[in-house]
Amino acid sequence: MKPDDREKAHLDYLLADFEALKAEIARRANLQRLALAAYAAVYVGLFPQIASDRIAATLLAALWVVGVLGLLFYVREGLEIKRLACLIRNCIASEAARLVATGPKSLIPSETDQANPRTDKLTRLYDVLFMWSVFFVLPLLLR
């Protein structure tokens, strides 16, 4: 196999790995959305009992368990998405960029070019506030 053929085969493997990781990121993001929708559906379904102050202690405890488990699942999937993105940024982009003699930022900008630091901090703050308000404050508001 000639060096050019070897490099092309290497790039093909990196591209396949990239596509698999991006598909896994999308799948996990959809799982997060599904978990959030299921969590909201539980509250919507129980709203008549919650609104009429007829909520039983066992139901309240169950809602807290669902909230904690939902939060843990949501955070776990978010951490795994970040890990997969780091694999793309640190392994695939740098190796592919070396093979085609360019920078990782010009090759895979969506995964290698960091966001504006100010916006990134606001996004992280929003994410934390959203998670805690949905999975912690909402059950706390129940009597």
C-alpha atoms as a PDB file:
ATOM      1  CA  MET A   1       0.000   0.000   0.000  1.00  0.00           C
ATOM      2  CA  LYS A   2       1.399   3.383  -0.999  1.00  0.00           C
ATOM      3  CA  PRO A   3       1.707   6.146   1.622  1.00  0.00           C
ATOM      4  CA  ASP A   4      -1.105   8.124  -0.050  1.00  0.00           C
ATOM      5  CA  ASP A   5      -3.389   5.077   0.060  1.00  0.00           C
ATOM      6  CA  ARG A   6      -2.514   4.483   3.708  1.00  0.00           C
ATOM      7  CA  GLU A   7      -3.291   8.104   4.574  1.00  0.00           C
ATOM      8  CA  LYS A   8      -6.591   7.950   2.675  1.00  0.00           C
ATOM      9  CA  ALA A   9      -7.543   4.728   4.488  1.00  0.00           C
ATOM     10  CA  HIS A  10      -6.590   6.347   7.805  1.00  0.00           C
ATOM     11  CA  LEU A  11      -8.748   9.373   6.979  1.00  0.00           C
ATOM     12  CA  ASP A  12     -11.629   7.068   6.041  1.00  0.00           C
ATOM     13  CA  TYR A  13     -11.375   5.346   9.432  1.00  0.00           C
ATOM     14  CA  LEU A  14     -11.237   8.692  11.220  1.00  0.00           C
ATOM     15  CA  LEU A  15     -14.281   9.891   9.271  1.00  0.00           C
ATOM     16  CA  ALA A  16     -16.198   6.723  10.174  1.00  0.00           C
ATOM     17  CA  ASP A  17     -15.267   7.180  13.826  1.00  0.00           C
ATOM     18  CA  PHE A  18     -16.324  10.837  13.668  1.00  0.00           C
ATOM     19  CA  GLU A  19     -19.691   9.937  12.150  1.00  0.00           C
ATOM     20  CA  ALA A  20     -20.269   7.231  14.774  1.00  0.00           C
ATOM     21  CA  LEU A  21     -19.435   9.614  17.621  1.00  0.00           C
ATOM     22  CA  LYS A  22     -21.660  12.357  16.219  1.00  0.00           C
ATOM     23  CA  ALA A  23     -24.523   9.856  15.889  1.00  0.00           C
ATOM     24  CA  GLU A  24     -23.984   8.758  19.500  1.00  0.00           C
ATOM     25  CA  ILE A  25     -23.988  12.379  20.667  1.00  0.00           C
ATOM     26  CA  ALA A  26     -27.275  12.957  18.834  1.00  0.00           C
ATOM     27  CA  ARG A  27     -28.756   9.776  20.331  1.00  0.00           C
ATOM     28  CA  ARG A  28     -27.806  10.804  23.859  1.00  0.00           C
ATOM     29  CA  ALA A  29     -29.155  14.327  23.351  1.00  0.00           C
ATOM     30  CA  ASN A  30     -32.452  12.794  22.196  1.00  0.00           C
ATOM     31  CA  LEU A  31     -32.476  10.578  25.302  1.00  0.00           C
ATOM     32  CA  GLN A  32     -32.092  13.706  27.423  1.00  0.00           C
ATOM     33  CA  ARG A  33     -35.048  15.309  25.650  1.00  0.00           C
ATOM     34  CA  LEU A  34     -37.118  12.133  26.066  1.00  0.00           C
ATOM     35  CA  ALA A  35     -36.313  11.927  29.793  1.00  0.00           C
ATOM     36  CA  LEU A  36     -37.244  15.575  30.238  1.00  0.00           C
ATOM     37  CA  ALA A  37     -40.505  15.081  28.330  1.00  0.00           C
ATOM     38  CA  ALA A  38     -41.373  11.987  30.407  1.00  0.00           C
ATOM     39  CA  TYR A  39     -40.612  13.884  33.597  1.00  0.00           C
ATOM     40  CA  ALA A  40     -42.843  16.762  32.498  1.00  0.00           C
ATOM     41  CA  ALA A  41     -45.583  14.292  31.519  1.00  0.00           C
ATOM     42  CA  VAL A  42     -45.547  12.834  35.039  1.00  0.00           C
ATOM     43  CA  TYR A  43     -46.118  16.291  36.509  1.00  0.00           C
ATOM     44  CA  VAL A  44     -48.777  17.195  33.952  1.00  0.00           C
ATOM     45  CA  GLY A  45     -50.570  13.912  34.616  1.00  0.00           C
ATOM     46  CA  LEU A  46     -50.504  14.480  38.359  1.00  0.00           C
ATOM     47  CA  PHE A  47     -51.337  18.184  38.191  1.00  0.00           C
ATOM     48  CA  PRO A  48     -54.988  17.787  39.285  1.00  0.00           C
ATOM     49  CA  GLN A  49     -53.883  16.018  42.476  1.00  0.00           C
ATOM     50  CA  ILE A  50     -51.067  18.482  43.064  1.00  0.00           C
ATOM     51  CA  ALA A  51     -53.305  21.526  42.481  1.00  0.00           C
ATOM     52  CA  SER A  52     -56.045  20.285  44.817  1.00  0.00           C
ATOM     53  CA  ASP A  53     -53.669  19.638  47.748  1.00  0.00           C
ATOM     54  CA  ARG A  54     -54.666  15.968  47.709  1.00  0.00           C
ATOM     55  CA  ILE A  55     -51.151  14.747  47.187  1.00  0.00           C
ATOM     56  CA  ALA A  56     -50.242  11.772  49.356  1.00  0.00           C
ATOM     57  CA  ALA A  57     -46.922  11.473  51.131  1.00  0.00           C
ATOM     58  CA  THR A  58     -46.039   8.374  49.113  1.00  0.00           C
ATOM     59  CA  LEU A  59     -46.756  10.196  45.864  1.00  0.00           C
ATOM     60  CA  LEU A  60     -44.651  13.122  47.009  1.00  0.00           C
ATOM     61  CA  ALA A  61     -41.793  10.765  47.865  1.00  0.00           C
ATOM     62  CA  ALA A  62     -42.167   9.079  44.470  1.00  0.00           C
ATOM     63  CA  LEU A  63     -41.988  12.455  42.723  1.00  0.00           C
ATOM     64  CA  TRP A  64     -38.781  13.253  44.595  1.00  0.00           C
ATOM     65  CA  VAL A  65     -37.274   9.914  43.595  1.00  0.00           C
ATOM     66  CA  VAL A  66     -38.282  10.512  39.973  1.00  0.00           C
ATOM     67  CA  GLY A  67     -36.768  14.007  40.157  1.00  0.00           C
ATOM     68  CA  VAL A  68     -33.457  12.806  41.572  1.00  0.00           C
ATOM     69  CA  LEU A  69     -33.213   9.912  39.113  1.00  0.00           C
ATOM     70  CA  GLY A  70     -34.161  12.215  36.238  1.00  0.00           C
ATOM     71  CA  LEU A  71     -31.484  14.708  37.248  1.00  0.00           C
ATOM     72  CA  LEU A  72     -28.847  11.983  37.540  1.00  0.00           C
ATOM     73  CA  PHE A  73     -29.745  10.587  34.126  1.00  0.00           C
ATOM     74  CA  TYR A  74     -29.773  14.042  32.534  1.00  0.00           C
ATOM     75  CA  VAL A  75     -26.376  14.938  34.000  1.00  0.00           C
ATOM     76  CA  ARG A  76     -24.852  11.547  33.144  1.00  0.00           C
ATOM     77  CA  GLU A  77     -25.884  11.849  29.506  1.00  0.00           C
ATOM     78  CA  GLY A  78     -24.567  15.416  29.403  1.00  0.00           C
ATOM     79  CA  LEU A  79     -21.203  14.303  30.743  1.00  0.00           C
ATOM     80  CA  GLU A  80     -21.027  11.494  28.203  1.00  0.00           C
ATOM     81  CA  ILE A  81     -21.835  13.935  25.399  1.00  0.00           C
ATOM     82  CA  LYS A  82     -18.954  16.145  26.567  1.00  0.00           C
ATOM     83  CA  ARG A  83     -16.630  13.110  26.706  1.00  0.00           C
ATOM     84  CA  LEU A  84     -17.531  12.099  23.144  1.00  0.00           C
ATOM     85  CA  ALA A  85     -17.014  15.662  21.925  1.00  0.00           C
ATOM     86  CA  CYS A  86     -13.566  15.654  23.570  1.00  0.00           C
ATOM     87  CA  LEU A  87     -12.712  12.449  21.692  1.00  0.00           C
ATOM     88  CA  ILE A  88     -13.596  14.178  18.445  1.00  0.00           C
ATOM     89  CA  ARG A  89     -11.676  17.324  19.367  1.00  0.00           C
ATOM     90  CA  ASN A  90      -8.555  15.718  20.848  1.00  0.00           C
ATOM     91  CA  CYS A  91      -8.181  12.483  18.889  1.00  0.00           C
ATOM     92  CA  ILE A  92      -9.959  12.615  15.558  1.00  0.00           C
ATOM     93  CA  ALA A  93      -9.579  16.300  14.652  1.00  0.00           C
ATOM     94  CA  SER A  94      -5.907  16.538  15.547  1.00  0.00           C
ATOM     95  CA  GLU A  95      -4.984  13.300  13.745  1.00  0.00           C
ATOM     96  CA  ALA A  96      -7.029  14.121  10.646  1.00  0.00           C
ATOM     97  CA  ALA A  97      -5.628  17.650  10.585  1.00  0.00           C
ATOM     98  CA  ARG A  98      -2.096  16.253  10.701  1.00  0.00           C
ATOM     99  CA  LEU A  99      -2.824  13.947   7.760  1.00  0.00           C
ATOM    100  CA  VAL A 100      -4.229  16.709   5.552  1.00  0.00           C
ATOM    101  CA  ALA A 101      -1.734  19.323   6.777  1.00  0.00           C
ATOM    102  CA  THR A 102      -4.210  21.814   8.196  1.00  0.00           C
ATOM    103  CA  GLY A 103      -5.345  22.955  11.619  1.00  0.00           C
ATOM    104  CA  PRO A 104      -8.068  21.124  13.572  1.00  0.00           C
ATOM    105  CA  LYS A 105     -10.118  24.344  13.755  1.00  0.00           C
ATOM    106  CA  SER A 106     -10.386  24.537   9.978  1.00  0.00           C
ATOM    107  CA  LEU A 107     -11.080  20.814   9.649  1.00  0.00           C
ATOM    108  CA  ILE A 108     -13.797  20.282  12.300  1.00  0.00           C
ATOM    109  CA  PRO A 109     -14.741  23.748  13.580  1.00  0.00           C
ATOM    110  CA  SER A 110     -17.940  22.577  15.308  1.00  0.00           C
ATOM    111  CA  GLU A 111     -15.942  20.464  17.750  1.00  0.00           C
ATOM    112  CA  THR A 112     -12.581  22.220  17.947  1.00  0.00           C
ATOM    113  CA  ASP A 113     -13.359  25.922  17.954  1.00  0.00           C
ATOM    114  CA  GLN A 114     -14.332  26.888  21.478  1.00  0.00           C
ATOM    115  CA  ALA A 115     -17.280  29.176  22.019  1.00  0.00           C
ATOM    116  CA  ASN A 116     -17.001  32.731  23.192  1.00  0.00           C
ATOM    117  CA  PRO A 117     -15.890  32.349  26.853  1.00  0.00           C
ATOM    118  CA  ARG A 118     -18.548  34.781  28.082  1.00  0.00           C
ATOM    119  CA  THR A 119     -21.319  32.994  26.189  1.00  0.00           C
ATOM    120  CA  ASP A 120     -19.998  29.621  27.308  1.00  0.00           C
ATOM    121  CA  LYS A 121     -20.185  30.700  30.969  1.00  0.00           C
ATOM    122  CA  LEU A 122     -23.760  31.920  30.466  1.00  0.00           C
ATOM    123  CA  THR A 123     -24.685  28.656  28.757  1.00  0.00           C
ATOM    124  CA  ARG A 124     -23.264  26.619  31.621  1.00  0.00           C
ATOM    125  CA  LEU A 125     -25.013  28.814  34.187  1.00  0.00           C
ATOM    126  CA  TYR A 126     -28.297  28.437  32.309  1.00  0.00           C
ATOM    127  CA  ASP A 127     -27.827  24.667  32.139  1.00  0.00           C
ATOM    128  CA  VAL A 128     -27.230  24.413  35.901  1.00  0.00           C
ATOM    129  CA  LEU A 129     -30.162  26.694  36.723  1.00  0.00           C
ATOM    130  CA  PHE A 130     -32.443  24.795  34.365  1.00  0.00           C
ATOM    131  CA  MET A 131     -31.499  21.362  35.702  1.00  0.00           C
ATOM    132  CA  TRP A 132     -31.820  22.318  39.351  1.00  0.00           C
ATOM    133  CA  SER A 133     -35.041  24.261  38.905  1.00  0.00           C
ATOM    134  CA  VAL A 134     -36.720  21.473  36.936  1.00  0.00           C
ATOM    135  CA  PHE A 135     -35.461  18.504  38.933  1.00  0.00           C
ATOM    136  CA  PHE A 136     -35.110  20.037  42.416  1.00  0.00           C
ATOM    137  CA  VAL A 137     -37.137  23.240  42.843  1.00  0.00           C
ATOM    138  CA  LEU A 138     -40.252  21.869  41.133  1.00  0.00           C
ATOM    139  CA  PRO A 139     -40.605  18.959  43.597  1.00  0.00           C
ATOM    140  CA  LEU A 140     -39.697  21.345  46.439  1.00  0.00           C
ATOM    141  CA  LEU A 141     -42.695  23.526  45.587  1.00  0.00           C
ATOM    142  CA  LEU A 142     -45.020  20.634  46.312  1.00  0.00           C
ATOM    143  CA  ARG A 143     -46.395  20.551  49.829  1.00  0.00           C
END
